[in-house]
Protein backbone atom coordinates (compact mmCIF):
# COMPACT_ATOMS: atom_id res chain seq x y z
CA MET A 1 151.31 -2.72 92.11
CA TYR A 2 154.74 -1.73 90.89
CA LEU A 3 153.24 0.19 87.98
CA ILE A 4 150.77 1.98 90.25
CA SER A 5 153.60 3.00 92.59
CA ARG A 6 155.61 4.37 89.69
CA VAL A 7 152.64 6.38 88.47
CA ARG A 8 152.04 7.79 91.95
CA TYR A 9 155.71 8.68 92.26
CA PHE A 10 155.64 10.41 88.89
CA LEU A 11 152.52 12.40 89.83
CA VAL A 12 154.00 13.53 93.16
CA VAL A 13 157.27 14.64 91.55
CA SER A 14 155.37 16.47 88.82
CA PHE A 15 153.21 18.23 91.40
CA ILE A 16 156.28 19.33 93.37
CA LEU A 17 157.97 20.61 90.21
CA ILE A 18 154.85 22.53 89.21
CA LEU A 19 154.73 24.15 92.66
CA PHE A 20 158.43 24.99 92.49
CA PHE A 21 158.26 26.66 89.09
CA SER A 22 155.03 28.47 89.96
CA PHE A 23 156.66 29.88 93.09
CA ASN A 24 159.69 31.05 91.13
CA ARG A 25 157.48 32.70 88.53
CA CYS A 26 155.60 34.55 91.28
CA LYS A 27 158.90 35.70 92.76
CA GLU A 28 160.12 36.80 89.34
CA SER A 29 156.82 38.59 88.67
CA ASN A 30 157.00 40.41 92.01
CA HIS A 31 160.61 41.31 91.33
CA ASN A 32 159.70 42.70 87.91
CA GLN A 33 156.83 44.71 89.39
CA LYS A 34 159.13 46.21 92.02
CA LYS A 35 161.67 46.93 89.28
CA LEU A 36 159.03 48.71 87.20
CA ILE A 37 157.98 50.82 90.18
CA SER A 38 161.61 51.60 90.94
CA ASN A 39 162.30 52.53 87.34
CA SER A 40 159.31 54.87 87.30
CA GLN A 41 161.01 56.91 89.99
CA SER A 42 164.16 58.92 89.46
CA GLU A 43 166.91 59.48 91.95
CA ASN A 44 167.23 63.02 90.63
CA PHE A 45 165.34 65.25 93.05
CA GLY A 46 165.98 68.48 94.90
CA ILE A 47 164.61 71.33 96.95
CA VAL A 48 165.28 75.06 97.32
CA ILE A 49 163.93 77.47 99.95
CA HIS A 50 164.08 81.21 100.58
CA GLY A 51 163.26 83.36 103.57
CA GLY A 52 163.05 86.72 101.82
CA ALA A 53 165.37 89.11 100.00
CA GLY A 54 166.37 92.60 101.05
CA THR A 55 169.04 94.89 102.42
CA MET A 56 170.83 92.35 104.61
CA SER A 57 174.45 93.23 105.19
CA ARG A 58 177.19 91.79 107.35
CA LYS A 59 177.56 95.15 109.09
CA GLU A 60 173.95 95.12 110.26
CA MET A 61 173.75 91.39 111.04
CA THR A 62 175.24 90.23 114.33
CA LYS A 63 177.14 86.95 114.35
CA GLU A 64 174.49 85.51 116.66
CA MET A 65 171.61 86.37 114.32
CA ASP A 66 173.59 85.20 111.31
CA LEU A 67 174.01 81.80 112.97
CA ILE A 68 170.36 81.64 114.05
CA TYR A 69 169.13 82.25 110.51
CA ARG A 70 171.53 79.72 109.01
CA LYS A 71 170.52 77.05 111.51
CA LYS A 72 166.83 77.60 110.82
CA LEU A 73 167.36 77.50 107.04
CA GLU A 74 169.32 74.26 107.39
CA GLU A 75 166.64 72.75 109.62
CA VAL A 76 163.93 73.60 107.11
CA ILE A 77 165.78 72.37 104.03
CA ARG A 78 166.67 69.08 105.70
CA VAL A 79 163.04 68.40 106.60
CA GLY A 80 161.90 69.00 103.02
CA HIS A 81 164.78 66.99 101.61
CA SER A 82 163.99 64.04 103.89
CA ILE A 83 160.42 63.95 102.56
CA LEU A 84 161.66 63.81 98.98
CA LYS A 85 164.38 61.27 99.75
CA ASN A 86 161.81 58.91 101.24
CA GLY A 87 159.62 59.12 98.14
CA GLY A 88 157.32 61.91 99.30
CA SER A 89 155.73 64.32 96.86
CA SER A 90 157.00 67.76 95.95
CA GLN A 91 153.71 69.14 97.26
CA GLU A 92 154.29 67.67 100.71
CA ALA A 93 157.90 68.84 100.80
CA VAL A 94 156.91 72.40 99.86
CA GLU A 95 154.05 72.56 102.36
CA LYS A 96 155.99 71.18 105.33
CA SER A 97 159.05 73.33 104.61
CA ILE A 98 156.98 76.50 104.43
CA ASN A 99 155.01 75.51 107.54
CA LEU A 100 158.27 75.53 109.50
CA MET A 101 159.11 79.03 108.29
CA GLU A 102 155.57 80.25 108.93
CA ASP A 103 155.88 78.98 112.50
CA SER A 104 159.18 80.79 113.04
CA PRO A 105 159.26 84.45 114.17
CA LEU A 106 162.40 84.95 112.06
CA PHE A 107 160.50 85.41 108.81
CA ASN A 108 157.77 87.64 107.44
CA ALA A 109 155.17 84.89 107.09
CA GLY A 110 152.80 83.45 109.66
CA LYS A 111 154.10 84.15 113.15
CA GLY A 112 156.43 87.14 112.88
CA ALA A 113 154.65 88.69 109.89
CA VAL A 114 154.89 92.45 109.40
CA LEU A 115 152.06 94.81 110.36
CA ASN A 116 149.98 96.97 108.05
CA SER A 117 149.36 100.69 108.59
CA ASN A 118 146.55 99.87 111.05
CA GLY A 119 148.82 97.64 113.09
CA GLN A 120 147.12 94.47 111.86
CA ILE A 121 148.27 91.21 110.28
CA GLU A 122 147.30 90.42 106.68
CA LEU A 123 148.66 87.15 105.31
CA ASP A 124 148.87 85.92 101.71
CA ALA A 125 149.98 82.59 100.25
CA SER A 126 149.83 80.55 97.06
CA PHE A 127 150.72 77.08 95.81
CA MET A 128 151.01 75.54 92.35
CA ASP A 129 151.25 71.93 91.17
CA GLY A 130 153.55 71.57 88.16
CA LYS A 131 151.99 68.29 86.98
CA THR A 132 148.39 69.46 86.71
CA LEU A 133 148.89 73.25 86.66
CA ASN A 134 146.33 73.41 89.45
CA ALA A 135 146.82 76.26 91.91
CA GLY A 136 145.37 77.78 95.05
CA ALA A 137 145.80 81.08 96.87
CA ILE A 138 144.52 82.99 99.87
CA VAL A 139 144.67 86.74 100.46
CA GLY A 140 144.42 89.05 103.47
CA VAL A 141 143.73 86.47 106.19
CA LYS A 142 144.28 87.15 109.88
CA THR A 143 143.57 83.91 111.75
CA ILE A 144 144.89 81.00 109.65
CA LYS A 145 148.00 79.64 111.39
CA ASN A 146 149.57 78.22 108.22
CA PRO A 147 148.43 80.12 105.12
CA ILE A 148 150.27 77.84 102.68
CA SER A 149 148.19 74.88 103.86
CA ALA A 150 145.03 76.90 103.25
CA ALA A 151 146.19 77.74 99.72
CA ILE A 152 146.69 74.03 99.04
CA LYS A 153 143.19 73.26 100.34
CA VAL A 154 141.75 75.89 97.98
CA MET A 155 143.49 74.08 95.13
CA GLU A 156 142.42 70.60 96.21
CA ASN A 157 138.91 71.10 97.56
CA SER A 158 137.37 73.96 95.61
CA PRO A 159 136.75 74.81 91.95
CA HIS A 160 138.42 78.18 92.49
CA VAL A 161 141.97 79.50 92.64
CA MET A 162 141.86 82.40 95.11
CA PHE A 163 139.90 83.18 98.29
CA PHE A 164 140.03 86.48 100.17
CA GLY A 165 139.66 87.58 103.80
CA ASN A 166 136.72 86.28 105.82
CA GLY A 167 135.71 83.87 103.07
CA ALA A 168 139.16 82.29 103.05
CA GLU A 169 139.08 81.97 106.84
CA LYS A 170 135.64 80.31 106.83
CA PHE A 171 136.84 77.92 104.15
CA ALA A 172 139.97 77.05 106.17
CA LEU A 173 137.85 76.41 109.25
CA LYS A 174 135.56 74.11 107.25
CA GLU A 175 138.64 72.23 106.00
CA GLY A 176 139.83 71.63 109.55
CA LEU A 177 142.90 73.85 109.44
CA GLU A 178 144.20 75.41 112.63
CA ILE A 179 142.71 78.82 113.39
CA VAL A 180 144.42 81.10 115.93
CA ASP A 181 143.82 84.44 117.62
CA PRO A 182 145.41 87.26 115.55
CA ASN A 183 147.65 88.06 118.53
CA TYR A 184 149.48 84.80 117.89
CA PHE A 185 151.26 86.35 114.91
CA PHE A 186 152.52 89.51 116.63
CA THR A 187 156.17 89.94 117.64
CA GLN A 188 157.81 92.90 119.33
CA LYS A 189 160.24 93.21 116.44
CA ARG A 190 157.45 93.90 113.96
CA ILE A 191 155.68 96.28 116.33
CA ASP A 192 158.88 98.29 116.69
CA GLU A 193 159.45 98.32 112.93
CA LEU A 194 156.03 99.79 112.30
CA LYS A 195 156.53 102.46 114.96
CA LYS A 196 159.84 103.45 113.41
CA ILE A 197 158.34 103.81 109.95
CA LYS A 198 155.33 105.72 111.26
CA LEU A 199 157.64 108.26 112.86
CA LYS A 200 159.43 108.88 109.56
CA GLU A 201 156.30 108.91 107.44
CA THR A 202 155.73 112.61 106.92
CA LYS A 203 155.21 112.81 103.17
CA ILE A 204 154.00 110.06 100.90
CA SER A 205 156.71 110.85 98.35
CA SER A 206 159.55 110.59 100.83
CA TYR A 207 158.02 107.41 102.21
CA ILE A 208 157.93 105.78 98.79
CA ASN A 209 161.36 106.96 97.71
CA ASP A 210 163.25 106.25 100.91
CA GLU A 211 161.50 103.87 103.25
CA ILE A 212 160.26 101.30 100.77
CA LYS A 213 163.63 101.06 99.05
CA ILE A 214 165.45 100.18 102.27
CA MET A 215 162.72 97.94 103.64
CA LYS A 216 163.42 94.23 103.91
CA TYR A 217 161.01 92.28 101.77
CA GLY A 218 160.24 89.28 103.91
CA THR A 219 158.57 86.40 102.15
CA VAL A 220 159.14 82.66 102.45
CA GLY A 221 159.05 80.19 99.63
CA CYS A 222 159.95 76.69 98.54
CA VAL A 223 160.28 74.86 95.23
CA ALA A 224 160.83 71.14 94.86
CA LEU A 225 161.33 68.33 92.35
CA ASP A 226 160.31 64.86 93.58
CA LYS A 227 161.37 61.40 92.44
CA ASN A 228 158.36 61.14 90.16
CA GLY A 229 159.51 64.20 88.22
CA ASN A 230 156.80 66.45 89.59
CA LEU A 231 157.50 70.10 90.39
CA ALA A 232 155.75 72.27 92.98
CA ALA A 233 156.09 75.84 94.20
CA GLY A 234 154.76 77.64 97.26
CA THR A 235 155.09 81.17 98.63
CA SER A 236 153.80 82.75 101.85
CA THR A 237 154.08 86.29 103.27
CA GLY A 238 152.85 88.99 105.59
CA GLY A 239 153.34 91.52 102.82
CA MET A 240 154.91 94.94 103.23
CA THR A 241 155.36 96.80 106.50
CA ASN A 242 152.88 99.69 106.86
CA LYS A 243 150.94 98.64 103.76
CA LYS A 244 147.70 100.58 103.27
CA TRP A 245 144.22 100.04 101.84
CA ASN A 246 144.44 96.23 101.88
CA ARG A 247 147.35 96.30 99.46
CA ILE A 248 148.04 92.95 97.81
CA GLY A 249 151.46 92.02 96.48
CA ASP A 250 152.71 89.37 94.09
CA VAL A 251 152.70 86.36 96.41
CA PRO A 252 149.10 85.15 95.90
CA ILE A 253 149.11 85.96 92.19
CA ILE A 254 149.88 82.85 90.17
CA GLY A 255 152.51 83.66 87.56
CA ALA A 256 153.87 86.67 89.43
CA GLY A 257 155.16 85.47 92.81
CA ASN A 258 154.66 81.77 92.24
CA TYR A 259 154.57 79.30 89.34
CA ALA A 260 155.23 75.62 88.58
CA ASN A 261 155.12 73.64 85.35
CA ASN A 262 156.56 70.16 84.83
CA LYS A 263 157.60 71.18 81.31
CA THR A 264 160.02 73.75 82.69
CA CYS A 265 160.47 74.75 86.30
CA ALA A 266 159.07 75.81 89.67
CA ILE A 267 159.63 79.40 90.84
CA SER A 268 159.04 81.29 94.10
CA ALA A 269 159.69 85.03 94.25
CA THR A 270 160.43 87.58 96.95
CA GLY A 271 160.79 91.33 96.60
CA TRP A 272 158.96 94.52 95.77
CA GLY A 273 155.70 92.88 94.73
CA GLU A 274 154.37 95.61 92.46
CA PHE A 275 157.28 95.10 90.09
CA PHE A 276 156.99 91.32 90.20
CA ILE A 277 153.31 91.61 89.26
CA ARG A 278 154.03 93.97 86.36
CA ASN A 279 156.75 91.67 85.04
CA VAL A 280 154.81 88.45 85.73
CA VAL A 281 158.16 87.25 87.03
CA ALA A 282 157.59 83.59 87.88
CA HIS A 283 155.80 82.73 84.65
CA ASP A 284 158.19 84.80 82.56
CA ILE A 285 161.11 82.68 83.72
CA SER A 286 159.20 79.54 82.73
CA ALA A 287 158.23 81.06 79.37
CA LEU A 288 161.82 81.98 78.54
CA MET A 289 162.77 78.38 79.20
CA GLU A 290 159.88 76.86 77.24
CA TYR A 291 159.87 79.14 74.20
CA LYS A 292 163.50 80.26 73.95
CA GLY A 293 165.18 77.19 75.38
CA LEU A 294 167.07 79.11 78.07
CA LYS A 295 168.49 77.45 81.15
CA ILE A 296 166.81 78.30 84.45
CA SER A 297 169.87 80.26 85.58
CA GLU A 298 169.89 82.33 82.37
CA ALA A 299 166.16 83.04 82.45
CA SER A 300 166.27 84.06 86.11
CA LYS A 301 169.13 86.50 85.53
CA ILE A 302 167.36 88.17 82.61
CA VAL A 303 164.11 88.62 84.52
CA ILE A 304 165.63 89.83 87.79
CA HIS A 305 168.57 91.92 86.56
CA GLU A 306 167.12 93.29 83.34
CA LYS A 307 163.33 93.30 83.45
CA VAL A 308 162.61 93.93 87.15
CA ALA A 309 165.62 96.15 87.74
CA LYS A 310 164.90 98.21 84.61
CA LEU A 311 161.55 99.28 86.07
CA GLY A 312 163.15 100.13 89.41
CA GLY A 313 162.18 97.02 91.37
CA ASP A 314 164.30 94.70 93.44
CA GLY A 315 164.12 91.27 95.01
CA GLY A 316 164.95 87.72 94.06
CA VAL A 317 163.75 84.29 93.01
CA ILE A 318 164.51 80.67 93.72
CA GLY A 319 163.83 78.00 91.13
CA ILE A 320 164.36 74.37 90.21
CA ASP A 321 163.86 72.89 86.75
CA LYS A 322 162.60 69.50 85.61
CA ASN A 323 166.18 68.15 85.63
CA GLY A 324 167.06 69.39 89.11
CA ASN A 325 169.07 72.43 88.03
CA ILE A 326 168.50 75.41 90.30
CA ALA A 327 168.56 79.20 90.41
CA MET A 328 168.90 81.51 93.40
CA GLU A 329 169.02 84.94 91.79
CA MET A 330 168.68 88.40 93.38
CA ASN A 331 169.45 92.07 92.75
CA THR A 332 169.48 92.93 96.46
CA ASN A 333 172.27 92.72 99.04
CA GLY A 334 171.06 89.37 100.19
CA MET A 335 168.43 86.64 100.28
CA TYR A 336 167.98 83.96 102.92
CA ARG A 337 168.27 80.78 100.90
CA ALA A 338 169.22 77.11 100.95
CA HIS A 339 169.41 74.15 98.57
CA MET A 340 169.82 70.38 98.83
CA ASN A 341 170.20 68.00 95.89
CA SER A 342 169.62 64.25 95.61
CA LYS A 343 173.18 63.56 96.77
CA GLY A 344 172.52 65.39 100.03
CA ASP A 345 174.84 68.29 99.23
CA ILE A 346 173.63 71.34 101.13
CA ILE A 347 174.05 75.07 100.51
CA VAL A 348 172.95 77.72 103.01
CA LYS A 349 173.53 81.39 102.14
CA ILE A 350 172.42 84.88 103.16
CA TYR A 351 174.49 87.51 101.35
CA ILE A 352 174.82 88.13 97.63
CA ASP A 353 178.60 87.67 97.60
CA GLU A 354 178.55 84.17 99.06
């Protein structure tokens, strides 16, 4: 009996020890898995936004409007940054940030967009994923509440890159995006701007030489780097005030007004679109980085101050590279812009001399 008791005791102790070590191994395995997941993510992330570049000046901007713009820019950048901080994707951060600006009457995108020569709204937007180089764009839509979301749907749920007009609107409706009456987008400010330009528009030459050069180029954009090292870029606009003949600018053209590539950077442009198209601005910045090894700040300066300016164009770009370095470059008097890095440091600026 004694021997049997000893054997039973030994078996029980062995069983308990096996359970104990098995439990510890499971804990260690779970810990290692969590560590691997954590290591796959980087704490180096960041986001940059813009609300358009143009002839902003302190003389023309009231203190009240200056404060309103800065508060909105800060609100938008903090929302995008929060998404990235909590492990969200660069795509989500770009989309939600631009949605907020599209919903604000302060910017020339979505609600508050400028009017064409017929007094109508025509909205353009594009998005690009730096990891896959997939992209989507929509052109000349009048009823899609958030054009950037439609551009993303084109990228995700179609084999194409760009949809135009009625086709884009039917596609957005099929995808369940919010469709609104065109009157939703109108603001008195934009109506008055069009009237003012119409009164001065006597000769096409004087219109081109004078009015376009002093016009504010309102476009909104966002670029982001997430914790997984993925870049994304999005741009949305109402185009140019008093534009004619269904004119299309650089915003929906991948490589001109928008570009993202995990090898290099993500870029969103704003300015006189014809010149950004001719210079393929967004892609050119990426190419200078990839093939010449330039920093994002150096490449942006060359493209904006030498290439675009040399042809007579103006505007600006925002960008972020694969390491979180940024650029906010312009050859205009100002550009609504903001940046937040992984540390939570925030920059909000309007004028060129800030």
